[in-house]
Amino acid sequence: MEQSTSPTMLPREVIRRVREIQIRTGRQVADVLAGQYESVFKGRGIEFDEVRPYVPGDDIRTIDWNVTARVGEPYVKRYVEDRQLTLMVMADVSASQDFGSHHRSKREATAELSALLAFSANQNDDKIGLTLFHGNVEQYIPARKGGKHSLRVVREVLAHGQVDAKRSTASPTEEVPSRSKPKRFRRWLPPFRRRTWWRSGRQATNIAGAMEFLMSVSSRKTICFVISDFLDDDYLQPMQSANRKHDVIAVLVTDPSEIDIPAVGLVNLEDAETGEVRQYDTSSSSFREKVVAQSQRRIDSLRRQFVASGIDFIHIDASRDVVDPLVKFFHMRQRRMRR
């Protein structure tokens, strides 16, 4: 597992995208999210700091009787106001996140959401950290404060795998020249199969392992955004366990072409994580309707499972603005806090 990455070898395209995201999300944080983040995520108030010798005037209710008995003179507990929060962005960087049928991929949408969270945390003097995971935990950046650190969080999400990766996505409007030579679409479909134990690296997604890692590195309560397409199994219980100690928020990122297949004739659809290729006739309306129904059932099922587990749920469409779903989430949390 890598804990740091040098920025010197970043592709020029990644640097350009980071700057674009910084400008756009910086304005959105200032104009749209100002105040909402702070009102939803509040510090824990008063927490224990240390013990010190008793001095006349101290409240006797703060006396630490165990320490007093041990040293033979009165000591009191000292408390401090703790308003600083720690946010951890846990971003799925498995191969399926590279898919994008519109102006950006799911990973780019993840980077933009990460930027909104990082810049909001920075504006409120909170700490922000990052964990990149796929079949394993690939990179961990401990939570820190500062504008440069917030930019690094965005940069690492975008830059991961970009130096060597060859992204291959086809336009959904591209016609198939012949039914005998189907077009190959490097994408994921359908979202209803079990991961196999023998795959590793970016060819798998292991959310349960990421949750175990979070529990091992975060002693303080952390607000944890798990951003993924959740193409995995057996992760709900680990997320529930992590949510008992931390504040876990599940963020589902989907691409519209994963839900509504365009009618482009006979195509080969390749699973980006397993390499499995299957041929489908997308001109069949019954096939497209089946995909839409299955995809919608999956999204609804994820929402119900997370809500029933006490885990907040956000759905991000990679082709659309990520601000609106985040604002709706903030409003939902505010309403719940008033009850």
C-alpha atoms as a PDB file:
ATOM      1  CA  MET A   1       0.000   0.000   0.000  1.00  0.00           C
ATOM      2  CA  GLU A   2       1.348   3.363  -1.038  1.00  0.00           C
ATOM      3  CA  GLN A   3       1.057   6.323   1.309  1.00  0.00           C
ATOM      4  CA  SER A   4       2.417   9.109  -0.867  1.00  0.00           C
ATOM      5  CA  THR A   5       2.706   9.916  -4.539  1.00  0.00           C
ATOM      6  CA  SER A   6       5.000  12.443  -6.159  1.00  0.00           C
ATOM      7  CA  PRO A   7       3.094  15.092  -8.137  1.00  0.00           C
ATOM      8  CA  THR A   8       5.988  15.736 -10.507  1.00  0.00           C
ATOM      9  CA  MET A   9       5.012  13.069 -13.054  1.00  0.00           C
ATOM     10  CA  LEU A  10       1.343  14.004 -13.352  1.00  0.00           C
ATOM     11  CA  PRO A  11      -0.031  14.086 -16.903  1.00  0.00           C
ATOM     12  CA  ARG A  12      -0.844  17.570 -18.162  1.00  0.00           C
ATOM     13  CA  GLU A  13      -4.491  16.593 -18.607  1.00  0.00           C
ATOM     14  CA  VAL A  14      -4.784  15.699 -14.919  1.00  0.00           C
ATOM     15  CA  ILE A  15      -3.291  19.060 -13.886  1.00  0.00           C
ATOM     16  CA  ARG A  16      -5.755  20.859 -16.152  1.00  0.00           C
ATOM     17  CA  ARG A  17      -8.706  18.918 -14.714  1.00  0.00           C
ATOM     18  CA  VAL A  18      -7.604  19.644 -11.143  1.00  0.00           C
ATOM     19  CA  ARG A  19      -7.503  23.369 -11.905  1.00  0.00           C
ATOM     20  CA  GLU A  20     -10.925  23.269 -13.534  1.00  0.00           C
ATOM     21  CA  ILE A  21     -12.407  21.425 -10.578  1.00  0.00           C
ATOM     22  CA  GLN A  22     -10.724  23.804  -8.133  1.00  0.00           C
ATOM     23  CA  ILE A  23     -12.249  26.859  -9.820  1.00  0.00           C
ATOM     24  CA  ARG A  24     -15.726  25.402 -10.276  1.00  0.00           C
ATOM     25  CA  THR A  25     -16.119  23.698  -6.911  1.00  0.00           C
ATOM     26  CA  GLY A  26     -14.482  26.577  -5.062  1.00  0.00           C
ATOM     27  CA  ARG A  27     -17.249  28.854  -6.281  1.00  0.00           C
ATOM     28  CA  GLN A  28     -19.901  26.284  -5.486  1.00  0.00           C
ATOM     29  CA  VAL A  29     -18.620  25.873  -1.937  1.00  0.00           C
ATOM     30  CA  ALA A  30     -18.657  29.641  -1.434  1.00  0.00           C
ATOM     31  CA  ASP A  31     -22.006  30.299  -3.141  1.00  0.00           C
ATOM     32  CA  VAL A  32     -24.078  27.172  -2.522  1.00  0.00           C
ATOM     33  CA  LEU A  33     -22.652  25.092   0.319  1.00  0.00           C
ATOM     34  CA  ALA A  34     -21.604  27.910   2.643  1.00  0.00           C
ATOM     35  CA  GLY A  35     -23.054  27.260   6.107  1.00  0.00           C
ATOM     36  CA  GLN A  36     -24.764  23.984   5.191  1.00  0.00           C
ATOM     37  CA  TYR A  37     -21.688  21.855   5.778  1.00  0.00           C
ATOM     38  CA  GLU A  38     -21.046  23.473   9.150  1.00  0.00           C
ATOM     39  CA  SER A  39     -24.647  23.131  10.292  1.00  0.00           C
ATOM     40  CA  VAL A  40     -24.829  19.442   9.354  1.00  0.00           C
ATOM     41  CA  PHE A  41     -21.411  18.295  10.556  1.00  0.00           C
ATOM     42  CA  LYS A  42     -20.753  19.716  13.982  1.00  0.00           C
ATOM     43  CA  GLY A  43     -17.885  18.935  16.302  1.00  0.00           C
ATOM     44  CA  ARG A  44     -18.386  16.777  19.345  1.00  0.00           C
ATOM     45  CA  GLY A  45     -18.408  19.731  21.734  1.00  0.00           C
ATOM     46  CA  ILE A  46     -16.519  19.145  24.977  1.00  0.00           C
ATOM     47  CA  GLU A  47     -13.965  16.358  25.234  1.00  0.00           C
ATOM     48  CA  PHE A  48     -11.391  15.282  27.806  1.00  0.00           C
ATOM     49  CA  ASP A  49      -7.888  16.732  27.390  1.00  0.00           C
ATOM     50  CA  GLU A  50      -5.750  15.999  30.471  1.00  0.00           C
ATOM     51  CA  VAL A  51      -5.618  15.985  34.287  1.00  0.00           C
ATOM     52  CA  ARG A  52      -3.885  18.701  36.294  1.00  0.00           C
ATOM     53  CA  PRO A  53      -3.432  19.554  39.985  1.00  0.00           C
ATOM     54  CA  TYR A  54      -6.429  21.020  41.733  1.00  0.00           C
ATOM     55  CA  VAL A  55      -6.333  24.781  42.430  1.00  0.00           C
ATOM     56  CA  PRO A  56      -8.743  26.712  44.663  1.00  0.00           C
ATOM     57  CA  GLY A  57     -11.830  27.661  42.693  1.00  0.00           C
ATOM     58  CA  ASP A  58     -11.967  24.524  40.534  1.00  0.00           C
ATOM     59  CA  ASP A  59     -15.319  22.782  40.354  1.00  0.00           C
ATOM     60  CA  ILE A  60     -15.087  19.791  42.682  1.00  0.00           C
ATOM     61  CA  ARG A  61     -17.203  17.823  40.201  1.00  0.00           C
ATOM     62  CA  THR A  62     -14.190  17.750  37.868  1.00  0.00           C
ATOM     63  CA  ILE A  63     -11.959  15.985  40.415  1.00  0.00           C
ATOM     64  CA  ASP A  64     -10.499  12.761  39.049  1.00  0.00           C
ATOM     65  CA  TRP A  65     -10.781  10.543  42.126  1.00  0.00           C
ATOM     66  CA  ASN A  66      -8.748   7.693  40.648  1.00  0.00           C
ATOM     67  CA  VAL A  67      -5.716   9.915  39.994  1.00  0.00           C
ATOM     68  CA  THR A  68      -6.230  11.715  43.301  1.00  0.00           C
ATOM     69  CA  ALA A  69      -6.132   8.418  45.217  1.00  0.00           C
ATOM     70  CA  ARG A  70      -3.091   7.261  43.290  1.00  0.00           C
ATOM     71  CA  VAL A  71      -0.873  10.350  43.827  1.00  0.00           C
ATOM     72  CA  GLY A  72      -2.224  11.432  47.202  1.00  0.00           C
ATOM     73  CA  GLU A  73      -3.292  14.947  46.219  1.00  0.00           C
ATOM     74  CA  PRO A  74      -6.323  16.264  44.325  1.00  0.00           C
ATOM     75  CA  TYR A  75      -6.287  16.360  40.537  1.00  0.00           C
ATOM     76  CA  VAL A  76      -9.031  17.591  38.222  1.00  0.00           C
ATOM     77  CA  LYS A  77      -9.966  16.653  34.696  1.00  0.00           C
ATOM     78  CA  ARG A  78      -9.438  19.324  32.075  1.00  0.00           C
ATOM     79  CA  TYR A  79     -11.777  19.518  29.115  1.00  0.00           C
ATOM     80  CA  VAL A  80     -11.464  21.406  25.865  1.00  0.00           C
ATOM     81  CA  GLU A  81     -13.980  22.438  23.259  1.00  0.00           C
ATOM     82  CA  ASP A  82     -13.573  20.216  20.232  1.00  0.00           C
ATOM     83  CA  ARG A  83     -15.153  21.610  17.087  1.00  0.00           C
ATOM     84  CA  GLN A  84     -12.713  20.263  14.554  1.00  0.00           C
ATOM     85  CA  LEU A  85     -13.970  17.420  12.404  1.00  0.00           C
ATOM     86  CA  THR A  86     -12.153  14.738  10.466  1.00  0.00           C
ATOM     87  CA  LEU A  87     -13.480  13.736   7.046  1.00  0.00           C
ATOM     88  CA  MET A  88     -12.252  10.657   5.203  1.00  0.00           C
ATOM     89  CA  VAL A  89     -13.010  10.248   1.499  1.00  0.00           C
ATOM     90  CA  MET A  90     -12.860   6.553   0.586  1.00  0.00           C
ATOM     91  CA  ALA A  91     -12.839   6.477  -3.215  1.00  0.00           C
ATOM     92  CA  ASP A  92     -13.272   3.329  -5.278  1.00  0.00           C
ATOM     93  CA  VAL A  93     -10.683   3.374  -8.098  1.00  0.00           C
ATOM     94  CA  SER A  94     -11.427  -0.076  -9.519  1.00  0.00           C
ATOM     95  CA  ALA A  95     -11.560  -0.473 -13.294  1.00  0.00           C
ATOM     96  CA  SER A  96     -15.336  -0.026 -13.525  1.00  0.00           C
ATOM     97  CA  GLN A  97     -14.940   3.555 -12.266  1.00  0.00           C
ATOM     98  CA  ASP A  98     -13.120   4.535 -15.475  1.00  0.00           C
ATOM     99  CA  PHE A  99     -16.281   4.168 -17.539  1.00  0.00           C
ATOM    100  CA  GLY A 100     -17.954   7.311 -18.822  1.00  0.00           C
ATOM    101  CA  SER A 101     -20.373   7.631 -21.729  1.00  0.00           C
ATOM    102  CA  HIS A 102     -20.768  11.406 -21.513  1.00  0.00           C
ATOM    103  CA  HIS A 103     -18.374  14.276 -20.734  1.00  0.00           C
ATOM    104  CA  ARG A 104     -16.749  12.593 -17.737  1.00  0.00           C
ATOM    105  CA  SER A 105     -16.158   9.209 -16.182  1.00  0.00           C
ATOM    106  CA  LYS A 106     -17.451   7.963 -12.861  1.00  0.00           C
ATOM    107  CA  ARG A 107     -13.988   8.535 -11.412  1.00  0.00           C
ATOM    108  CA  GLU A 108     -14.001  12.167 -12.569  1.00  0.00           C
ATOM    109  CA  ALA A 109     -17.385  12.649 -10.917  1.00  0.00           C
ATOM    110  CA  THR A 110     -15.891  11.102  -7.774  1.00  0.00           C
ATOM    111  CA  ALA A 111     -13.012  13.600  -7.948  1.00  0.00           C
ATOM    112  CA  GLU A 112     -15.424  16.514  -8.227  1.00  0.00           C
ATOM    113  CA  LEU A 113     -17.454  15.330  -5.250  1.00  0.00           C
ATOM    114  CA  SER A 114     -14.203  14.829  -3.321  1.00  0.00           C
ATOM    115  CA  ALA A 115     -13.264  18.416  -4.173  1.00  0.00           C
ATOM    116  CA  LEU A 116     -16.558  19.763  -2.818  1.00  0.00           C
ATOM    117  CA  LEU A 117     -16.041  17.881   0.430  1.00  0.00           C
ATOM    118  CA  ALA A 118     -12.355  18.807   0.700  1.00  0.00           C
ATOM    119  CA  PHE A 119     -12.877  22.518   0.058  1.00  0.00           C
ATOM    120  CA  SER A 120     -15.880  22.613   2.411  1.00  0.00           C
ATOM    121  CA  ALA A 121     -13.762  20.985   5.123  1.00  0.00           C
ATOM    122  CA  ASN A 122     -10.916  23.411   4.458  1.00  0.00           C
ATOM    123  CA  GLN A 123     -13.257  26.401   4.704  1.00  0.00           C
ATOM    124  CA  ASN A 124     -14.387  25.179   8.130  1.00  0.00           C
ATOM    125  CA  ASP A 125     -10.829  24.413   9.311  1.00  0.00           C
ATOM    126  CA  ASP A 126     -11.517  20.667   9.388  1.00  0.00           C
ATOM    127  CA  LYS A 127      -9.211  17.841   8.415  1.00  0.00           C
ATOM    128  CA  ILE A 128      -9.642  15.827   5.233  1.00  0.00           C
ATOM    129  CA  GLY A 129      -8.071  12.467   4.387  1.00  0.00           C
ATOM    130  CA  LEU A 130      -8.202  10.073   1.456  1.00  0.00           C
ATOM    131  CA  THR A 131      -8.228   6.321   0.969  1.00  0.00           C
ATOM    132  CA  LEU A 132      -8.103   4.885  -2.552  1.00  0.00           C
ATOM    133  CA  PHE A 133      -9.188   1.267  -2.835  1.00  0.00           C
ATOM    134  CA  HIS A 134     -10.054  -1.431  -5.344  1.00  0.00           C
ATOM    135  CA  GLY A 135      -9.366  -5.096  -4.588  1.00  0.00           C
ATOM    136  CA  ASN A 136      -6.886  -3.777  -2.023  1.00  0.00           C
ATOM    137  CA  VAL A 137      -6.257  -0.468  -0.292  1.00  0.00           C
ATOM    138  CA  GLU A 138      -4.035   1.244  -2.851  1.00  0.00           C
ATOM    139  CA  GLN A 139      -3.233   4.562  -1.213  1.00  0.00           C
ATOM    140  CA  TYR A 140      -3.833   6.257   2.114  1.00  0.00           C
ATOM    141  CA  ILE A 141      -3.353   9.960   2.850  1.00  0.00           C
ATOM    142  CA  PRO A 142      -3.843  10.791   6.551  1.00  0.00           C
ATOM    143  CA  ALA A 143      -6.263  13.587   7.368  1.00  0.00           C
ATOM    144  CA  ARG A 144      -4.736  17.037   7.494  1.00  0.00           C
ATOM    145  CA  LYS A 145      -5.804  20.664   7.125  1.00  0.00           C
ATOM    146  CA  GLY A 146      -4.945  23.233   4.481  1.00  0.00           C
ATOM    147  CA  GLY A 147      -5.747  24.258   0.933  1.00  0.00           C
ATOM    148  CA  LYS A 148      -2.761  22.473  -0.603  1.00  0.00           C
ATOM    149  CA  HIS A 149      -3.711  19.275   1.152  1.00  0.00           C
ATOM    150  CA  SER A 150      -7.300  19.579  -0.145  1.00  0.00           C
ATOM    151  CA  LEU A 151      -5.975  19.943  -3.688  1.00  0.00           C
ATOM    152  CA  ARG A 152      -3.837  16.858  -3.223  1.00  0.00           C
ATOM    153  CA  VAL A 153      -6.933  14.820  -2.342  1.00  0.00           C
ATOM    154  CA  VAL A 154      -8.539  15.818  -5.653  1.00  0.00           C
ATOM    155  CA  ARG A 155      -5.322  15.269  -7.604  1.00  0.00           C
ATOM    156  CA  GLU A 156      -4.773  11.741  -6.309  1.00  0.00           C
ATOM    157  CA  VAL A 157      -8.313  10.618  -7.188  1.00  0.00           C
ATOM    158  CA  LEU A 158      -7.894  11.885 -10.746  1.00  0.00           C
ATOM    159  CA  ALA A 159      -4.292  10.814 -11.225  1.00  0.00           C
ATOM    160  CA  HIS A 160      -4.526   7.251  -9.968  1.00  0.00           C
ATOM    161  CA  GLY A 161      -3.576   4.909 -12.795  1.00  0.00           C
ATOM    162  CA  GLN A 162      -3.522   7.669 -15.412  1.00  0.00           C
ATOM    163  CA  VAL A 163       0.156   7.362 -16.276  1.00  0.00           C
ATOM    164  CA  ASP A 164      -0.125   3.804 -17.539  1.00  0.00           C
ATOM    165  CA  ALA A 165      -3.829   3.356 -18.084  1.00  0.00           C
ATOM    166  CA  LYS A 166      -5.268   3.272 -21.577  1.00  0.00           C
ATOM    167  CA  ARG A 167      -8.829   4.382 -21.245  1.00  0.00           C
ATOM    168  CA  SER A 168     -11.119   2.840 -23.805  1.00  0.00           C
ATOM    169  CA  THR A 169     -14.718   3.989 -23.953  1.00  0.00           C
ATOM    170  CA  ALA A 170     -17.009   4.085 -26.971  1.00  0.00           C
ATOM    171  CA  SER A 171     -19.640   6.668 -27.715  1.00  0.00           C
ATOM    172  CA  PRO A 172     -23.159   5.275 -27.235  1.00  0.00           C
ATOM    173  CA  THR A 173     -24.238   7.039 -30.446  1.00  0.00           C
ATOM    174  CA  GLU A 174     -21.598   5.285 -32.568  1.00  0.00           C
ATOM    175  CA  GLU A 175     -23.204   2.959 -35.071  1.00  0.00           C
ATOM    176  CA  VAL A 176     -22.218  -0.656 -35.535  1.00  0.00           C
ATOM    177  CA  PRO A 177     -21.006  -1.069 -39.109  1.00  0.00           C
ATOM    178  CA  SER A 178     -22.099  -4.672 -39.451  1.00  0.00           C
ATOM    179  CA  ARG A 179     -24.090  -7.222 -37.482  1.00  0.00           C
ATOM    180  CA  SER A 180     -21.396  -9.760 -38.297  1.00  0.00           C
ATOM    181  CA  LYS A 181     -18.704  -7.541 -36.709  1.00  0.00           C
ATOM    182  CA  PRO A 182     -20.182  -6.213 -33.488  1.00  0.00           C
ATOM    183  CA  LYS A 183     -18.670  -3.177 -31.822  1.00  0.00           C
ATOM    184  CA  ARG A 184     -16.875  -3.786 -28.525  1.00  0.00           C
ATOM    185  CA  PHE A 185     -17.860  -1.446 -25.699  1.00  0.00           C
ATOM    186  CA  ARG A 186     -15.475  -1.457 -22.735  1.00  0.00           C
ATOM    187  CA  ARG A 187     -17.974  -0.962 -19.984  1.00  0.00           C
ATOM    188  CA  TRP A 188     -19.747  -2.801 -17.262  1.00  0.00           C
ATOM    189  CA  LEU A 189     -23.049  -4.644 -17.699  1.00  0.00           C
ATOM    190  CA  PRO A 190     -25.101  -5.918 -16.038  1.00  0.00           C
ATOM    191  CA  PRO A 191     -24.592  -5.141 -12.316  1.00  0.00           C
ATOM    192  CA  PHE A 192     -25.708  -8.496 -10.951  1.00  0.00           C
ATOM    193  CA  ARG A 193     -22.835 -10.904 -10.507  1.00  0.00           C
ATOM    194  CA  ARG A 194     -20.656 -12.031  -7.663  1.00  0.00           C
ATOM    195  CA  ARG A 195     -17.007 -11.062  -7.453  1.00  0.00           C
ATOM    196  CA  THR A 196     -14.573 -13.982  -7.491  1.00  0.00           C
ATOM    197  CA  TRP A 197     -11.993 -14.427  -4.758  1.00  0.00           C
ATOM    198  CA  TRP A 198      -8.984 -14.891  -7.028  1.00  0.00           C
ATOM    199  CA  ARG A 199      -9.032 -11.480  -8.712  1.00  0.00           C
ATOM    200  CA  SER A 200      -6.812  -8.749  -7.339  1.00  0.00           C
ATOM    201  CA  GLY A 201      -5.849  -5.129  -7.874  1.00  0.00           C
ATOM    202  CA  ARG A 202      -8.097  -2.963 -10.033  1.00  0.00           C
ATOM    203  CA  GLN A 203      -9.833  -6.067 -11.374  1.00  0.00           C
ATOM    204  CA  ALA A 204     -11.946  -6.263  -8.211  1.00  0.00           C
ATOM    205  CA  THR A 205     -13.646  -4.152  -5.570  1.00  0.00           C
ATOM    206  CA  ASN A 206     -13.272  -4.918  -1.866  1.00  0.00           C
ATOM    207  CA  ILE A 207     -15.366  -2.487   0.168  1.00  0.00           C
ATOM    208  CA  ALA A 208     -15.286  -4.721   3.238  1.00  0.00           C
ATOM    209  CA  GLY A 209     -11.488  -4.571   3.244  1.00  0.00           C
ATOM    210  CA  ALA A 210     -11.621  -0.786   2.940  1.00  0.00           C
ATOM    211  CA  MET A 211     -13.906  -0.622   5.978  1.00  0.00           C
ATOM    212  CA  GLU A 212     -11.537  -2.791   7.986  1.00  0.00           C
ATOM    213  CA  PHE A 213      -8.708  -0.458   7.012  1.00  0.00           C
ATOM    214  CA  LEU A 214     -10.725   2.566   8.155  1.00  0.00           C
ATOM    215  CA  MET A 215     -11.270   0.981  11.556  1.00  0.00           C
ATOM    216  CA  SER A 216      -7.545   0.263  11.890  1.00  0.00           C
ATOM    217  CA  VAL A 217      -6.319   3.787  11.103  1.00  0.00           C
ATOM    218  CA  SER A 218      -9.042   6.015  12.596  1.00  0.00           C
ATOM    219  CA  SER A 219      -9.187   6.134  16.371  1.00  0.00           C
ATOM    220  CA  ARG A 220     -11.296   9.299  16.487  1.00  0.00           C
ATOM    221  CA  LYS A 221     -14.811   9.492  15.158  1.00  0.00           C
ATOM    222  CA  THR A 222     -14.601  10.235  11.438  1.00  0.00           C
ATOM    223  CA  ILE A 223     -17.131  11.329   8.848  1.00  0.00           C
ATOM    224  CA  CYS A 224     -16.513   8.800   6.094  1.00  0.00           C
ATOM    225  CA  PHE A 225     -17.819   9.152   2.529  1.00  0.00           C
ATOM    226  CA  VAL A 226     -17.602   5.792   0.735  1.00  0.00           C
ATOM    227  CA  ILE A 227     -17.779   6.698  -2.979  1.00  0.00           C
ATOM    228  CA  SER A 228     -18.229   3.694  -5.256  1.00  0.00           C
ATOM    229  CA  ASP A 229     -20.442   2.011  -7.832  1.00  0.00           C
ATOM    230  CA  PHE A 230     -20.826  -0.789  -5.232  1.00  0.00           C
ATOM    231  CA  LEU A 231     -20.163  -3.588  -7.705  1.00  0.00           C
ATOM    232  CA  ASP A 232     -19.211  -5.874  -4.867  1.00  0.00           C
ATOM    233  CA  ASP A 233     -20.700  -8.312  -2.370  1.00  0.00           C
ATOM    234  CA  ASP A 234     -20.703  -8.798   1.394  1.00  0.00           C
ATOM    235  CA  TYR A 235     -19.907  -5.194   2.305  1.00  0.00           C
ATOM    236  CA  LEU A 236     -23.065  -4.178   4.176  1.00  0.00           C
ATOM    237  CA  GLN A 237     -22.163  -5.695   7.560  1.00  0.00           C
ATOM    238  CA  PRO A 238     -18.623  -4.201   7.583  1.00  0.00           C
ATOM    239  CA  MET A 239     -20.128  -0.808   6.732  1.00  0.00           C
ATOM    240  CA  GLN A 240     -22.646  -1.207   9.552  1.00  0.00           C
ATOM    241  CA  SER A 241     -19.828  -2.047  11.986  1.00  0.00           C
ATOM    242  CA  ALA A 242     -17.841   0.998  10.878  1.00  0.00           C
ATOM    243  CA  ASN A 243     -20.940   3.176  11.193  1.00  0.00           C
ATOM    244  CA  ARG A 244     -21.264   2.323  14.887  1.00  0.00           C
ATOM    245  CA  LYS A 245     -17.991   4.136  15.558  1.00  0.00           C
ATOM    246  CA  HIS A 246     -17.882   6.577  12.643  1.00  0.00           C
ATOM    247  CA  ASP A 247     -20.413   8.468  10.544  1.00  0.00           C
ATOM    248  CA  VAL A 248     -20.505   6.490   7.294  1.00  0.00           C
ATOM    249  CA  ILE A 249     -22.202   7.892   4.184  1.00  0.00           C
ATOM    250  CA  ALA A 250     -22.618   5.683   1.096  1.00  0.00           C
ATOM    251  CA  VAL A 251     -22.303   7.507  -2.241  1.00  0.00           C
ATOM    252  CA  LEU A 252     -23.360   5.526  -5.307  1.00  0.00           C
ATOM    253  CA  VAL A 253     -21.920   6.781  -8.617  1.00  0.00           C
ATOM    254  CA  THR A 254     -23.554   5.557 -11.822  1.00  0.00           C
ATOM    255  CA  ASP A 255     -23.347   6.397 -15.511  1.00  0.00           C
ATOM    256  CA  PRO A 256     -26.635   6.830 -17.423  1.00  0.00           C
ATOM    257  CA  SER A 257     -25.591   4.294 -20.077  1.00  0.00           C
ATOM    258  CA  GLU A 258     -25.296   1.646 -17.371  1.00  0.00           C
ATOM    259  CA  ILE A 259     -28.992   2.130 -16.696  1.00  0.00           C
ATOM    260  CA  ASP A 260     -30.456   3.006 -20.085  1.00  0.00           C
ATOM    261  CA  ILE A 261     -28.632   1.190 -22.916  1.00  0.00           C
ATOM    262  CA  PRO A 262     -28.686   3.116 -26.230  1.00  0.00           C
ATOM    263  CA  ALA A 263     -30.060   1.252 -29.243  1.00  0.00           C
ATOM    264  CA  VAL A 264     -26.954   0.809 -31.416  1.00  0.00           C
ATOM    265  CA  GLY A 265     -27.474  -2.713 -32.689  1.00  0.00           C
ATOM    266  CA  LEU A 266     -25.285  -5.726 -31.990  1.00  0.00           C
ATOM    267  CA  VAL A 267     -22.463  -4.964 -29.538  1.00  0.00           C
ATOM    268  CA  ASN A 268     -19.924  -6.768 -27.444  1.00  0.00           C
ATOM    269  CA  LEU A 269     -20.009  -5.528 -23.858  1.00  0.00           C
ATOM    270  CA  GLU A 270     -16.824  -6.040 -21.858  1.00  0.00           C
ATOM    271  CA  ASP A 271     -16.713  -6.134 -18.082  1.00  0.00           C
ATOM    272  CA  ALA A 272     -13.929  -3.666 -17.224  1.00  0.00           C
ATOM    273  CA  GLU A 273     -12.969  -5.617 -14.108  1.00  0.00           C
ATOM    274  CA  THR A 274     -13.092  -9.238 -15.293  1.00  0.00           C
ATOM    275  CA  GLY A 275     -12.486  -8.838 -19.013  1.00  0.00           C
ATOM    276  CA  GLU A 276     -15.529 -11.038 -19.694  1.00  0.00           C
ATOM    277  CA  VAL A 277     -17.153 -10.194 -23.015  1.00  0.00           C
ATOM    278  CA  ARG A 278     -20.745 -10.919 -23.951  1.00  0.00           C
ATOM    279  CA  GLN A 279     -22.676 -10.080 -27.082  1.00  0.00           C
ATOM    280  CA  TYR A 280     -26.030  -8.283 -26.879  1.00  0.00           C
ATOM    281  CA  ASP A 281     -28.506  -6.938 -29.389  1.00  0.00           C
ATOM    282  CA  THR A 282     -29.212  -3.434 -28.102  1.00  0.00           C
ATOM    283  CA  SER A 283     -31.814  -2.871 -30.826  1.00  0.00           C
ATOM    284  CA  SER A 284     -34.091  -5.206 -28.843  1.00  0.00           C
ATOM    285  CA  SER A 285     -36.504  -3.077 -26.824  1.00  0.00           C
ATOM    286  CA  SER A 286     -37.186  -5.962 -24.431  1.00  0.00           C
ATOM    287  CA  PHE A 287     -33.452  -6.244 -23.677  1.00  0.00           C
ATOM    288  CA  ARG A 288     -33.144  -2.503 -22.999  1.00  0.00           C
ATOM    289  CA  GLU A 289     -36.262  -2.504 -20.815  1.00  0.00           C
ATOM    290  CA  LYS A 290     -34.895  -5.434 -18.824  1.00  0.00           C
ATOM    291  CA  VAL A 291     -31.613  -3.587 -18.217  1.00  0.00           C
ATOM    292  CA  VAL A 292     -33.465  -0.450 -17.070  1.00  0.00           C
ATOM    293  CA  ALA A 293     -35.680  -2.460 -14.706  1.00  0.00           C
ATOM    294  CA  GLN A 294     -32.760  -4.423 -13.236  1.00  0.00           C
ATOM    295  CA  SER A 295     -30.626  -1.319 -12.802  1.00  0.00           C
ATOM    296  CA  GLN A 296     -33.398   0.618 -11.110  1.00  0.00           C
ATOM    297  CA  ARG A 297     -34.154  -2.305  -8.796  1.00  0.00           C
ATOM    298  CA  ARG A 298     -30.491  -2.417  -7.825  1.00  0.00           C
ATOM    299  CA  ILE A 299     -30.405   1.308  -6.993  1.00  0.00           C
ATOM    300  CA  ASP A 300     -33.637   1.078  -4.984  1.00  0.00           C
ATOM    301  CA  SER A 301     -32.336  -2.001  -3.161  1.00  0.00           C
ATOM    302  CA  LEU A 302     -29.092  -0.266  -2.233  1.00  0.00           C
ATOM    303  CA  ARG A 303     -31.012   2.733  -0.932  1.00  0.00           C
ATOM    304  CA  ARG A 304     -33.310   0.573   1.208  1.00  0.00           C
ATOM    305  CA  GLN A 305     -30.450  -1.521   2.607  1.00  0.00           C
ATOM    306  CA  PHE A 306     -28.368   1.483   3.618  1.00  0.00           C
ATOM    307  CA  VAL A 307     -31.275   3.409   5.122  1.00  0.00           C
ATOM    308  CA  ALA A 308     -32.386   0.326   7.087  1.00  0.00           C
ATOM    309  CA  SER A 309     -28.801   0.015   8.367  1.00  0.00           C
ATOM    310  CA  GLY A 310     -28.697   3.635   9.558  1.00  0.00           C
ATOM    311  CA  ILE A 311     -26.278   4.634   6.779  1.00  0.00           C
ATOM    312  CA  ASP A 312     -27.079   7.753   4.762  1.00  0.00           C
ATOM    313  CA  PHE A 313     -27.260   7.290   0.991  1.00  0.00           C
ATOM    314  CA  ILE A 314     -26.440   9.652  -1.885  1.00  0.00           C
ATOM    315  CA  HIS A 315     -26.880   8.807  -5.576  1.00  0.00           C
ATOM    316  CA  ILE A 316     -24.643  10.650  -8.043  1.00  0.00           C
ATOM    317  CA  ASP A 317     -25.219  10.608 -11.815  1.00  0.00           C
ATOM    318  CA  ALA A 318     -21.761  11.022 -13.366  1.00  0.00           C
ATOM    319  CA  SER A 319     -23.239  12.954 -16.306  1.00  0.00           C
ATOM    320  CA  ARG A 320     -24.865  15.585 -14.098  1.00  0.00           C
ATOM    321  CA  ASP A 321     -23.916  18.188 -11.541  1.00  0.00           C
ATOM    322  CA  VAL A 322     -22.808  16.655  -8.239  1.00  0.00           C
ATOM    323  CA  VAL A 323     -23.779  19.720  -6.183  1.00  0.00           C
ATOM    324  CA  ASP A 324     -27.538  19.122  -6.162  1.00  0.00           C
ATOM    325  CA  PRO A 325     -27.371  15.615  -4.617  1.00  0.00           C
ATOM    326  CA  LEU A 326     -24.966  16.921  -1.964  1.00  0.00           C
ATOM    327  CA  VAL A 327     -27.250  19.866  -1.141  1.00  0.00           C
ATOM    328  CA  LYS A 328     -30.241  17.506  -0.875  1.00  0.00           C
ATOM    329  CA  PHE A 329     -28.212  15.339   1.486  1.00  0.00           C
ATOM    330  CA  PHE A 330     -27.362  18.353   3.668  1.00  0.00           C
ATOM    331  CA  HIS A 331     -31.028  19.386   3.796  1.00  0.00           C
ATOM    332  CA  MET A 332     -32.061  15.866   4.753  1.00  0.00           C
ATOM    333  CA  ARG A 333     -29.543  15.822   7.607  1.00  0.00           C
ATOM    334  CA  GLN A 334     -30.696  19.229   8.797  1.00  0.00           C
ATOM    335  CA  ARG A 335     -34.337  18.117   8.911  1.00  0.00           C
ATOM    336  CA  ARG A 336     -33.370  14.995  10.841  1.00  0.00           C
ATOM    337  CA  MET A 337     -31.378  17.016  13.390  1.00  0.00           C
ATOM    338  CA  ARG A 338     -34.401  19.240  14.105  1.00  0.00           C
ATOM    339  CA  ARG A 339     -36.607  16.303  15.054  1.00  0.00           C
END
